[in-house]
């Protein structure tokens, strides 16, 4: 089974949905940090795949 990774735009939509449901502060403080955080799981999978070869 292949993992599914969310892109930053999808994460923002999920966040907006959660704000509508539960309230909270809107907005993204640091878009670069969001992009970095969303790419880390992908990089971790690549590292693990390379190690198994």
N, C-alpha and C. Protein backbone atom coordinates (compact mmCIF):
# COMPACT_ATOMS: atom_id res chain seq x y z
N UNK A 1 0.84 -1.19 0.00
CA UNK A 1 0.00 0.00 0.00
C UNK A 1 0.88 1.24 0.00
N UNK A 2 0.62 2.13 -0.91
CA UNK A 2 1.41 3.36 -1.01
C UNK A 2 0.84 4.44 -0.10
N UNK A 3 1.71 5.15 0.61
CA UNK A 3 1.22 6.23 1.47
C UNK A 3 0.70 7.40 0.64
N UNK A 4 -0.19 8.15 1.24
CA UNK A 4 -0.75 9.36 0.61
C UNK A 4 -0.22 10.57 1.38
N UNK A 5 0.36 11.51 0.65
CA UNK A 5 0.89 12.73 1.27
C UNK A 5 0.04 13.92 0.85
N UNK A 6 -0.25 14.79 1.80
CA UNK A 6 -1.04 15.98 1.50
C UNK A 6 -0.13 17.13 1.07
N UNK A 7 -0.57 17.83 0.07
CA UNK A 7 0.12 19.04 -0.39
C UNK A 7 -0.29 20.20 0.51
N UNK A 8 0.52 21.28 0.57
CA UNK A 8 0.17 22.41 1.42
C UNK A 8 -1.23 22.97 1.16
N UNK A 9 -1.66 23.03 -0.09
CA UNK A 9 -3.01 23.54 -0.39
C UNK A 9 -4.09 22.68 0.23
N UNK A 10 -3.89 21.37 0.24
CA UNK A 10 -4.86 20.45 0.86
C UNK A 10 -4.87 20.64 2.38
N UNK A 11 -3.70 20.84 2.95
CA UNK A 11 -3.60 21.05 4.40
C UNK A 11 -4.34 22.33 4.79
N UNK A 12 -4.21 23.36 3.98
CA UNK A 12 -4.92 24.62 4.25
C UNK A 12 -6.43 24.41 4.20
N UNK A 13 -6.91 23.65 3.23
CA UNK A 13 -8.35 23.37 3.15
C UNK A 13 -8.83 22.58 4.36
N UNK A 14 -8.05 21.61 4.79
CA UNK A 14 -8.41 20.84 5.99
C UNK A 14 -8.46 21.77 7.20
N UNK A 15 -7.48 22.66 7.30
CA UNK A 15 -7.43 23.62 8.41
C UNK A 15 -8.66 24.53 8.40
N UNK A 16 -9.04 25.01 7.22
CA UNK A 16 -10.22 25.87 7.12
C UNK A 16 -11.48 25.12 7.56
N UNK A 17 -11.59 23.85 7.17
CA UNK A 17 -12.73 23.04 7.59
C UNK A 17 -12.76 22.90 9.12
N UNK A 18 -11.60 22.64 9.71
CA UNK A 18 -11.51 22.49 11.16
C UNK A 18 -11.86 23.79 11.88
N UNK A 19 -11.48 24.93 11.30
CA UNK A 19 -11.83 26.22 11.89
C UNK A 19 -13.34 26.43 11.88
N UNK A 20 -13.99 26.06 10.78
CA UNK A 20 -15.46 26.19 10.70
C UNK A 20 -16.14 25.31 11.74
N UNK A 21 -15.61 24.10 11.92
CA UNK A 21 -16.23 23.15 12.85
C UNK A 21 -15.98 23.50 14.32
N UNK A 22 -14.75 23.89 14.63
CA UNK A 22 -14.36 24.00 16.03
C UNK A 22 -13.89 25.39 16.46
N UNK A 23 -13.74 26.32 15.50
CA UNK A 23 -13.28 27.66 15.83
C UNK A 23 -11.76 27.72 15.93
N UNK A 24 -11.26 28.90 16.17
CA UNK A 24 -9.81 29.09 16.29
C UNK A 24 -9.35 30.22 15.39
N UNK A 25 -8.06 30.45 15.40
CA UNK A 25 -7.47 31.54 14.62
C UNK A 25 -7.20 31.09 13.19
N UNK A 26 -7.60 31.91 12.24
CA UNK A 26 -7.36 31.62 10.83
C UNK A 26 -6.00 32.13 10.41
N UNK A 27 -5.51 31.63 9.30
CA UNK A 27 -4.27 32.13 8.74
C UNK A 27 -3.10 31.18 8.92
N UNK A 28 -2.10 31.40 8.09
CA UNK A 28 -0.88 30.61 8.15
C UNK A 28 0.24 31.55 8.56
N UNK A 29 0.89 31.24 9.64
CA UNK A 29 1.95 32.11 10.16
C UNK A 29 3.18 32.09 9.27
N UNK A 30 3.56 30.89 8.78
CA UNK A 30 4.79 30.77 7.99
C UNK A 30 4.57 29.72 6.90
N UNK A 31 4.28 30.18 5.68
CA UNK A 31 3.99 29.28 4.58
C UNK A 31 5.20 28.40 4.25
N UNK A 32 6.39 28.94 4.35
CA UNK A 32 7.60 28.16 4.10
C UNK A 32 7.73 27.00 5.07
N UNK A 33 7.39 27.23 6.33
CA UNK A 33 7.45 26.18 7.34
C UNK A 33 6.40 25.10 7.05
N UNK A 34 5.22 25.51 6.61
CA UNK A 34 4.18 24.54 6.24
C UNK A 34 4.66 23.68 5.08
N UNK A 35 5.27 24.30 4.08
CA UNK A 35 5.78 23.54 2.93
C UNK A 35 6.87 22.56 3.35
N UNK A 36 7.76 23.01 4.21
CA UNK A 36 8.82 22.15 4.71
C UNK A 36 8.25 20.97 5.50
N UNK A 37 7.32 21.27 6.41
CA UNK A 37 6.73 20.22 7.23
C UNK A 37 5.97 19.20 6.39
N UNK A 38 5.32 19.65 5.33
CA UNK A 38 4.57 18.71 4.50
C UNK A 38 5.48 17.86 3.62
N UNK A 39 6.71 18.30 3.40
CA UNK A 39 7.64 17.52 2.58
C UNK A 39 8.44 16.51 3.41
N UNK A 40 8.51 16.68 4.72
CA UNK A 40 9.33 15.81 5.55
C UNK A 40 8.91 14.34 5.52
N UNK A 41 7.62 14.00 5.62
CA UNK A 41 7.26 12.57 5.55
C UNK A 41 7.68 11.93 4.24
N UNK A 42 7.55 12.66 3.15
CA UNK A 42 7.96 12.16 1.84
C UNK A 42 9.46 11.86 1.83
N UNK A 43 10.24 12.76 2.42
CA UNK A 43 11.69 12.57 2.49
C UNK A 43 12.04 11.38 3.38
N UNK A 44 11.31 11.20 4.46
CA UNK A 44 11.55 10.07 5.35
C UNK A 44 11.28 8.74 4.67
N UNK A 45 10.22 8.68 3.89
CA UNK A 45 9.90 7.46 3.15
C UNK A 45 11.00 7.17 2.14
N UNK A 46 11.48 8.20 1.46
CA UNK A 46 12.55 8.01 0.47
C UNK A 46 13.81 7.49 1.16
N UNK A 47 14.13 8.02 2.33
CA UNK A 47 15.32 7.56 3.06
C UNK A 47 15.18 6.09 3.44
N UNK A 48 14.02 5.70 3.93
CA UNK A 48 13.80 4.31 4.33
C UNK A 48 13.84 3.38 3.13
N UNK A 49 13.32 3.83 2.01
CA UNK A 49 13.34 3.02 0.80
C UNK A 49 14.77 2.81 0.32
N UNK A 50 15.58 3.85 0.37
CA UNK A 50 16.97 3.75 -0.07
C UNK A 50 17.76 2.82 0.84
N UNK A 51 17.46 2.84 2.14
CA UNK A 51 18.19 2.01 3.08
C UNK A 51 17.91 0.52 2.87
N UNK A 52 16.71 0.18 2.40
CA UNK A 52 16.33 -1.22 2.22
C UNK A 52 16.94 -1.83 0.97
N UNK A 53 17.39 -1.00 0.06
CA UNK A 53 17.91 -1.51 -1.22
C UNK A 53 19.30 -2.09 -1.04
